[in-house]
């Protein structure tokens, strides 16, 4: 760790974990620090599961039927 508190994560570790530049969350975990990739804004937790929040308007059964028929043409 340098004087500014920055830590370098070696490229091989970043590649293995799929880490890319961007925001991360830091958690104090016992006597260490855990780094996790920050969840996108459209991911919410519902009943203990990660769910991608939908945008736009809700589709009715008729909308879905029309889309399926159009796809078959």
PDB file of N, CA and C in Angstrom:
ATOM      1  N   UNK A   1       0.860  -1.161   0.000  1.00  0.00           N
ATOM      2  CA  UNK A   1       0.000   0.000   0.000  1.00  0.00           C
ATOM      3  C   UNK A   1       0.907   1.226   0.000  1.00  0.00           C
ATOM      4  N   UNK A   2       0.554   2.228  -0.818  1.00  0.00           N
ATOM      5  CA  UNK A   2       1.378   3.434  -0.839  1.00  0.00           C
ATOM      6  C   UNK A   2       0.909   4.422   0.231  1.00  0.00           C
ATOM      7  N   UNK A   3       1.588   5.555   0.322  1.00  0.00           N
ATOM      8  CA  UNK A   3       1.278   6.551   1.356  1.00  0.00           C
ATOM      9  C   UNK A   3      -0.142   7.102   1.239  1.00  0.00           C
ATOM     10  N   UNK A   4      -0.705   7.097   0.037  1.00  0.00           N
ATOM     11  CA  UNK A   4      -2.063   7.610  -0.178  1.00  0.00           C
ATOM     12  C   UNK A   4      -3.128   6.552   0.125  1.00  0.00           C
ATOM     13  N   UNK A   5      -2.703   5.342   0.490  1.00  0.00           N
ATOM     14  CA  UNK A   5      -3.647   4.275   0.811  1.00  0.00           C
ATOM     15  C   UNK A   5      -4.090   3.456  -0.385  1.00  0.00           C
ATOM     16  N   UNK A   6      -3.449   3.651  -1.526  1.00  0.00           N
ATOM     17  CA  UNK A   6      -3.817   2.898  -2.729  1.00  0.00           C
ATOM     18  C   UNK A   6      -3.166   1.522  -2.713  1.00  0.00           C
ATOM     19  N   UNK A   7      -3.924   0.542  -3.197  1.00  0.00           N
ATOM     20  CA  UNK A   7      -3.440  -0.831  -3.287  1.00  0.00           C
ATOM     21  C   UNK A   7      -3.505  -1.250  -4.749  1.00  0.00           C
ATOM     22  N   UNK A   8      -2.435  -1.855  -5.240  1.00  0.00           N
ATOM     23  CA  UNK A   8      -2.406  -2.346  -6.618  1.00  0.00           C
ATOM     24  C   UNK A   8      -2.813  -3.817  -6.610  1.00  0.00           C
ATOM     25  N   UNK A   9      -3.808  -4.151  -7.410  1.00  0.00           N
ATOM     26  CA  UNK A   9      -4.215  -5.542  -7.567  1.00  0.00           C
ATOM     27  C   UNK A   9      -3.537  -6.047  -8.835  1.00  0.00           C
ATOM     28  N   UNK A  10      -2.700  -7.075  -8.724  1.00  0.00           N
ATOM     29  CA  UNK A  10      -1.967  -7.567  -9.895  1.00  0.00           C
ATOM     30  C   UNK A  10      -2.902  -7.949 -11.045  1.00  0.00           C
ATOM     31  N   UNK A  11      -2.422  -7.748 -12.274  1.00  0.00           N
ATOM     32  CA  UNK A  11      -3.226  -8.019 -13.468  1.00  0.00           C
ATOM     33  C   UNK A  11      -3.743  -9.452 -13.487  1.00  0.00           C
ATOM     34  N   UNK A  12      -2.924 -10.414 -13.087  1.00  0.00           N
ATOM     35  CA  UNK A  12      -3.362 -11.817 -13.115  1.00  0.00           C
ATOM     36  C   UNK A  12      -4.555 -12.044 -12.186  1.00  0.00           C
ATOM     37  N   UNK A  13      -4.573 -11.371 -11.046  1.00  0.00           N
ATOM     38  CA  UNK A  13      -5.690 -11.492 -10.102  1.00  0.00           C
ATOM     39  C   UNK A  13      -6.924 -10.797 -10.667  1.00  0.00           C
ATOM     40  N   UNK A  14      -6.744  -9.596 -11.245  1.00  0.00           N
ATOM     41  CA  UNK A  14      -7.876  -8.878 -11.843  1.00  0.00           C
ATOM     42  C   UNK A  14      -8.514  -9.699 -12.954  1.00  0.00           C
ATOM     43  N   UNK A  15      -7.679 -10.313 -13.791  1.00  0.00           N
ATOM     44  CA  UNK A  15      -8.194 -11.124 -14.899  1.00  0.00           C
ATOM     45  C   UNK A  15      -8.941 -12.346 -14.376  1.00  0.00           C
ATOM     46  N   UNK A  16      -8.383 -13.010 -13.379  1.00  0.00           N
ATOM     47  CA  UNK A  16      -9.014 -14.213 -12.818  1.00  0.00           C
ATOM     48  C   UNK A  16     -10.379 -13.901 -12.208  1.00  0.00           C
ATOM     49  N   UNK A  17     -10.504 -12.730 -11.588  1.00  0.00           N
ATOM     50  CA  UNK A  17     -11.754 -12.339 -10.939  1.00  0.00           C
ATOM     51  C   UNK A  17     -12.687 -11.557 -11.855  1.00  0.00           C
ATOM     52  N   UNK A  18     -12.216 -11.217 -13.052  1.00  0.00           N
ATOM     53  CA  UNK A  18     -13.042 -10.440 -13.973  1.00  0.00           C
ATOM     54  C   UNK A  18     -13.202  -8.996 -13.549  1.00  0.00           C
ATOM     55  N   UNK A  19     -12.229  -8.469 -12.810  1.00  0.00           N
ATOM     56  CA  UNK A  19     -12.308  -7.075 -12.359  1.00  0.00           C
ATOM     57  C   UNK A  19     -11.944  -6.138 -13.493  1.00  0.00           C
ATOM     58  N   UNK A  20     -12.743  -5.110 -13.675  1.00  0.00           N
ATOM     59  CA  UNK A  20     -12.489  -4.091 -14.690  1.00  0.00           C
ATOM     60  C   UNK A  20     -12.558  -2.733 -14.008  1.00  0.00           C
ATOM     61  N   UNK A  21     -11.974  -1.702 -14.620  1.00  0.00           N
ATOM     62  CA  UNK A  21     -12.042  -0.375 -14.001  1.00  0.00           C
ATOM     63  C   UNK A  21     -13.489   0.049 -13.772  1.00  0.00           C
ATOM     64  N   UNK A  22     -13.729   0.629 -12.632  1.00  0.00           N
ATOM     65  CA  UNK A  22     -15.068   1.094 -12.293  1.00  0.00           C
ATOM     66  C   UNK A  22     -15.256   1.104 -10.789  1.00  0.00           C
ATOM     67  N   UNK A  23     -16.427   1.518 -10.343  1.00  0.00           N
ATOM     68  CA  UNK A  23     -16.686   1.618  -8.906  1.00  0.00           C
ATOM     69  C   UNK A  23     -16.685   0.251  -8.231  1.00  0.00           C
ATOM     70  N   UNK A  24     -16.197   0.218  -7.015  1.00  0.00           N
ATOM     71  CA  UNK A  24     -16.217  -0.992  -6.197  1.00  0.00           C
ATOM     72  C   UNK A  24     -16.715  -0.634  -4.803  1.00  0.00           C
ATOM     73  N   UNK A  25     -17.191  -1.627  -4.088  1.00  0.00           N
ATOM     74  CA  UNK A  25     -17.583  -1.458  -2.696  1.00  0.00           C
ATOM     75  C   UNK A  25     -16.522  -2.110  -1.829  1.00  0.00           C
ATOM     76  N   UNK A  26     -16.170  -1.468  -0.719  1.00  0.00           N
ATOM     77  CA  UNK A  26     -15.206  -2.012   0.234  1.00  0.00           C
ATOM     78  C   UNK A  26     -15.935  -2.351   1.520  1.00  0.00           C
ATOM     79  N   UNK A  27     -15.637  -3.521   2.068  1.00  0.00           N
ATOM     80  CA  UNK A  27     -16.244  -3.966   3.310  1.00  0.00           C
ATOM     81  C   UNK A  27     -15.152  -4.407   4.270  1.00  0.00           C
ATOM     82  N   UNK A  28     -15.267  -4.004   5.529  1.00  0.00           N
ATOM     83  CA  UNK A  28     -14.364  -4.509   6.554  1.00  0.00           C
ATOM     84  C   UNK A  28     -14.862  -5.901   6.893  1.00  0.00           C
ATOM     85  N   UNK A  29     -13.990  -6.884   6.745  1.00  0.00           N
ATOM     86  CA  UNK A  29     -14.362  -8.285   6.889  1.00  0.00           C
ATOM     87  C   UNK A  29     -13.415  -8.934   7.894  1.00  0.00           C
ATOM     88  N   UNK A  30     -13.799  -8.939   9.159  1.00  0.00           N
ATOM     89  CA  UNK A  30     -12.901  -9.465  10.188  1.00  0.00           C
ATOM     90  C   UNK A  30     -11.706  -8.551  10.334  1.00  0.00           C
ATOM     91  N   UNK A  31     -10.530  -9.072  10.036  1.00  0.00           N
ATOM     92  CA  UNK A  31      -9.313  -8.256  10.125  1.00  0.00           C
ATOM     93  C   UNK A  31      -8.835  -7.813   8.752  1.00  0.00           C
ATOM     94  N   UNK A  32      -9.647  -8.043   7.725  1.00  0.00           N
ATOM     95  CA  UNK A  32      -9.260  -7.676   6.369  1.00  0.00           C
ATOM     96  C   UNK A  32     -10.291  -6.793   5.698  1.00  0.00           C
ATOM     97  N   UNK A  33     -10.063  -6.568   4.419  1.00  0.00           N
ATOM     98  CA  UNK A  33     -10.966  -5.752   3.611  1.00  0.00           C
ATOM     99  C   UNK A  33     -11.414  -6.594   2.425  1.00  0.00           C
ATOM    100  N   UNK A  34     -12.704  -6.582   2.152  1.00  0.00           N
ATOM    101  CA  UNK A  34     -13.256  -7.297   1.001  1.00  0.00           C
ATOM    102  C   UNK A  34     -13.646  -6.266  -0.047  1.00  0.00           C
ATOM    103  N   UNK A  35     -13.269  -6.522  -1.297  1.00  0.00           N
ATOM    104  CA  UNK A  35     -13.587  -5.633  -2.419  1.00  0.00           C
ATOM    105  C   UNK A  35     -14.603  -6.353  -3.300  1.00  0.00           C
ATOM    106  N   UNK A  36     -15.715  -5.692  -3.588  1.00  0.00           N
ATOM    107  CA  UNK A  36     -16.724  -6.260  -4.482  1.00  0.00           C
ATOM    108  C   UNK A  36     -17.062  -5.250  -5.561  1.00  0.00           C
ATOM    109  N   UNK A  37     -17.310  -5.760  -6.760  1.00  0.00           N
ATOM    110  CA  UNK A  37     -17.730  -4.892  -7.852  1.00  0.00           C
ATOM    111  C   UNK A  37     -19.078  -4.306  -7.471  1.00  0.00           C
ATOM    112  N   UNK A  38     -19.216  -3.001  -7.644  1.00  0.00           N
ATOM    113  CA  UNK A  38     -20.464  -2.320  -7.301  1.00  0.00           C
ATOM    114  C   UNK A  38     -21.577  -2.781  -8.230  1.00  0.00           C
ATOM    115  N   UNK A  39     -22.721  -3.096  -7.665  1.00  0.00           N
ATOM    116  CA  UNK A  39     -23.869  -3.533  -8.463  1.00  0.00           C
ATOM    117  C   UNK A  39     -24.387  -2.370  -9.302  1.00  0.00           C
ATOM    118  N   UNK A  40     -24.802  -2.641 -10.538  1.00  0.00           N
ATOM    119  CA  UNK A  40     -25.388  -1.584 -11.362  1.00  0.00           C
ATOM    120  C   UNK A  40     -26.641  -1.009 -10.703  1.00  0.00           C
ATOM    121  N   UNK A  41     -27.000   0.219 -11.077  1.00  0.00           N
ATOM    122  CA  UNK A  41     -28.160   0.898 -10.490  1.00  0.00           C
ATOM    123  C   UNK A  41     -29.473   0.164 -10.723  1.00  0.00           C
ATOM    124  N   UNK A  42     -29.557  -0.608 -11.814  1.00  0.00           N
ATOM    125  CA  UNK A  42     -30.832  -1.256 -12.118  1.00  0.00           C
ATOM    126  C   UNK A  42     -30.973  -2.629 -11.464  1.00  0.00           C
ATOM    127  N   UNK A  43     -30.003  -3.024 -10.625  1.00  0.00           N
ATOM    128  CA  UNK A  43     -30.103  -4.291  -9.913  1.00  0.00           C
ATOM    129  C   UNK A  43     -30.591  -4.008  -8.497  1.00  0.00           C
ATOM    130  N   UNK A  44     -31.692  -4.639  -8.133  1.00  0.00           N
ATOM    131  CA  UNK A  44     -32.263  -4.473  -6.800  1.00  0.00           C
ATOM    132  C   UNK A  44     -32.390  -5.847  -6.152  1.00  0.00           C
ATOM    133  N   UNK A  45     -32.515  -5.861  -4.836  1.00  0.00           N
ATOM    134  CA  UNK A  45     -32.680  -7.127  -4.128  1.00  0.00           C
ATOM    135  C   UNK A  45     -34.135  -7.295  -3.725  1.00  0.00           C
ATOM    136  N   UNK A  46     -34.703  -8.436  -4.079  1.00  0.00           N
ATOM    137  CA  UNK A  46     -36.078  -8.769  -3.699  1.00  0.00           C
ATOM    138  C   UNK A  46     -36.087 -10.191  -3.158  1.00  0.00           C
ATOM    139  N   UNK A  47     -36.572 -10.332  -1.946  1.00  0.00           N
ATOM    140  CA  UNK A  47     -36.653 -11.640  -1.292  1.00  0.00           C
ATOM    141  C   UNK A  47     -35.304 -12.354  -1.314  1.00  0.00           C
ATOM    142  N   UNK A  48     -34.232 -11.603  -1.087  1.00  0.00           N
ATOM    143  CA  UNK A  48     -32.901 -12.181  -1.011  1.00  0.00           C
ATOM    144  C   UNK A  48     -32.263 -12.515  -2.342  1.00  0.00           C
ATOM    145  N   UNK A  49     -32.862 -12.081  -3.444  1.00  0.00           N
ATOM    146  CA  UNK A  49     -32.317 -12.369  -4.774  1.00  0.00           C
ATOM    147  C   UNK A  49     -32.056 -11.077  -5.532  1.00  0.00           C
ATOM    148  N   UNK A  50     -31.021 -11.091  -6.358  1.00  0.00           N
ATOM    149  CA  UNK A  50     -30.726  -9.939  -7.201  1.00  0.00           C
ATOM    150  C   UNK A  50     -31.669  -9.969  -8.402  1.00  0.00           C
ATOM    151  N   UNK A  51     -32.339  -8.858  -8.645  1.00  0.00           N
ATOM    152  CA  UNK A  51     -33.305  -8.746  -9.735  1.00  0.00           C
ATOM    153  C   UNK A  51     -32.977  -7.494 -10.530  1.00  0.00           C
ATOM    154  N   UNK A  52     -33.006  -7.598 -11.855  1.00  0.00           N
ATOM    155  CA  UNK A  52     -32.785  -6.426 -12.700  1.00  0.00           C
ATOM    156  C   UNK A  52     -34.116  -5.698 -12.824  1.00  0.00           C
ATOM    157  N   UNK A  53     -34.133  -4.458 -12.359  1.00  0.00           N
ATOM    158  CA  UNK A  53     -35.360  -3.664 -12.391  1.00  0.00           C
ATOM    159  C   UNK A  53     -35.713  -3.322 -13.833  1.00  0.00           C
ATOM    160  N   UNK A  54     -36.952  -3.554 -14.188  1.00  0.00           N
ATOM    161  CA  UNK A  54     -37.416  -3.279 -15.547  1.00  0.00           C
ATOM    162  C   UNK A  54     -37.676  -1.791 -15.723  1.00  0.00           C
ATOM    163  N   UNK A  55     -37.537  -1.346 -16.948  1.00  0.00           N
ATOM    164  CA  UNK A  55     -37.879   0.036 -17.262  1.00  0.00           C
ATOM    165  C   UNK A  55     -38.933   0.009 -18.369  1.00  0.00           C
ATOM    166  N   UNK A  56     -39.611   1.094 -18.561  1.00  0.00           N
ATOM    167  CA  UNK A  56     -40.649   1.137 -19.583  1.00  0.00           C
ATOM    168  C   UNK A  56     -41.987   0.710 -19.019  1.00  0.00           C
ATOM    169  N   UNK A  57     -42.911   0.354 -19.894  1.00  0.00           N
ATOM    170  CA  UNK A  57     -44.252  -0.019 -19.443  1.00  0.00           C
ATOM    171  C   UNK A  57     -44.395  -1.540 -19.368  1.00  0.00           C
ATOM    172  N   UNK A  58     -45.321  -1.985 -18.564  1.00  0.00           N
ATOM    173  CA  UNK A  58     -45.576  -3.418 -18.407  1.00  0.00           C
ATOM    174  C   UNK A  58     -46.284  -3.952 -19.649  1.00  0.00           C
ATOM    175  N   UNK A  59     -45.956  -5.189 -20.016  1.00  0.00           N
ATOM    176  CA  UNK A  59     -46.599  -5.822 -21.157  1.00  0.00           C
ATOM    177  C   UNK A  59     -47.787  -6.649 -20.686  1.00  0.00           C
ATOM    178  N   UNK A  60     -48.859  -6.569 -21.439  1.00  0.00           N
ATOM    179  CA  UNK A  60     -50.023  -7.402 -21.150  1.00  0.00           C
ATOM    180  C   UNK A  60     -49.871  -8.729 -21.891  1.00  0.00           C
ATOM    181  N   UNK A  61     -50.741  -9.670 -21.598  1.00  0.00           N
ATOM    182  CA  UNK A  61     -50.739 -10.958 -22.314  1.00  0.00           C
ATOM    183  C   UNK A  61     -50.973 -10.738 -23.805  1.00  0.00           C
ATOM    184  N   UNK A  62     -51.843  -9.790 -24.144  1.00  0.00           N
ATOM    185  CA  UNK A  62     -52.103  -9.477 -25.554  1.00  0.00           C
ATOM    186  C   UNK A  62     -50.855  -8.933 -26.237  1.00  0.00           C
ATOM    187  N   UNK A  63     -50.100  -8.074 -25.539  1.00  0.00           N
ATOM    188  CA  UNK A  63     -48.854  -7.532 -26.097  1.00  0.00           C
ATOM    189  C   UNK A  63     -47.881  -8.665 -26.418  1.00  0.00           C
ATOM    190  N   UNK A  64     -47.720  -9.583 -25.477  1.00  0.00           N
ATOM    191  CA  UNK A  64     -46.794 -10.708 -25.660  1.00  0.00           C
ATOM    192  C   UNK A  64     -47.253 -11.577 -26.823  1.00  0.00           C
ATOM    193  N   UNK A  65     -48.547 -11.850 -26.899  1.00  0.00           N
ATOM    194  CA  UNK A  65     -49.100 -12.656 -27.992  1.00  0.00           C
ATOM    195  C   UNK A  65     -48.798 -11.997 -29.335  1.00  0.00           C
ATOM    196  N   UNK A  66     -49.021 -10.693 -29.447  1.00  0.00           N
ATOM    197  CA  UNK A  66     -48.749  -9.963 -30.694  1.00  0.00           C
ATOM    198  C   UNK A  66     -47.268 -10.035 -31.062  1.00  0.00           C
ATOM    199  N   UNK A  67     -46.399  -9.859 -30.082  1.00  0.00           N
ATOM    200  CA  UNK A  67     -44.957  -9.927 -30.345  1.00  0.00           C
ATOM    201  C   UNK A  67     -44.552 -11.316 -30.829  1.00  0.00           C
ATOM    202  N   UNK A  68     -45.102 -12.352 -30.215  1.00  0.00           N
ATOM    203  CA  UNK A  68     -44.782 -13.721 -30.626  1.00  0.00           C
ATOM    204  C   UNK A  68     -45.277 -13.994 -32.040  1.00  0.00           C
ATOM    205  N   UNK A  69     -46.488 -13.550 -32.350  1.00  0.00           N
ATOM    206  CA  UNK A  69     -47.031 -13.750 -33.695  1.00  0.00           C
ATOM    207  C   UNK A  69     -46.206 -12.998 -34.731  1.00  0.00           C
ATOM    208  N   UNK A  70     -45.814 -11.781 -34.412  1.00  0.00           N
ATOM    209  CA  UNK A  70     -45.005 -10.982 -35.337  1.00  0.00           C
ATOM    210  C   UNK A  70     -43.653 -11.642 -35.580  1.00  0.00           C
ATOM    211  N   UNK A  71     -43.099 -12.273 -34.545  1.00  0.00           N
ATOM    212  CA  UNK A  71     -41.801 -12.936 -34.670  1.00  0.00           C
ATOM    213  C   UNK A  71     -41.896 -14.184 -35.548  1.00  0.00           C
ATOM    214  N   UNK A  72     -43.050 -14.815 -35.580  1.00  0.00           N
ATOM    215  CA  UNK A  72     -43.242 -16.038 -36.364  1.00  0.00           C
ATOM    216  C   UNK A  72     -43.477 -15.754 -37.841  1.00  0.00           C
ATOM    217  N   UNK A  73     -43.840 -14.521 -38.162  1.00  0.00           N
ATOM    218  CA  UNK A  73     -44.137 -14.167 -39.562  1.00  0.00           C
ATOM    219  C   UNK A  73     -42.899 -14.032 -40.382  1.00  0.00           C
TER     220      UNK A  73
END
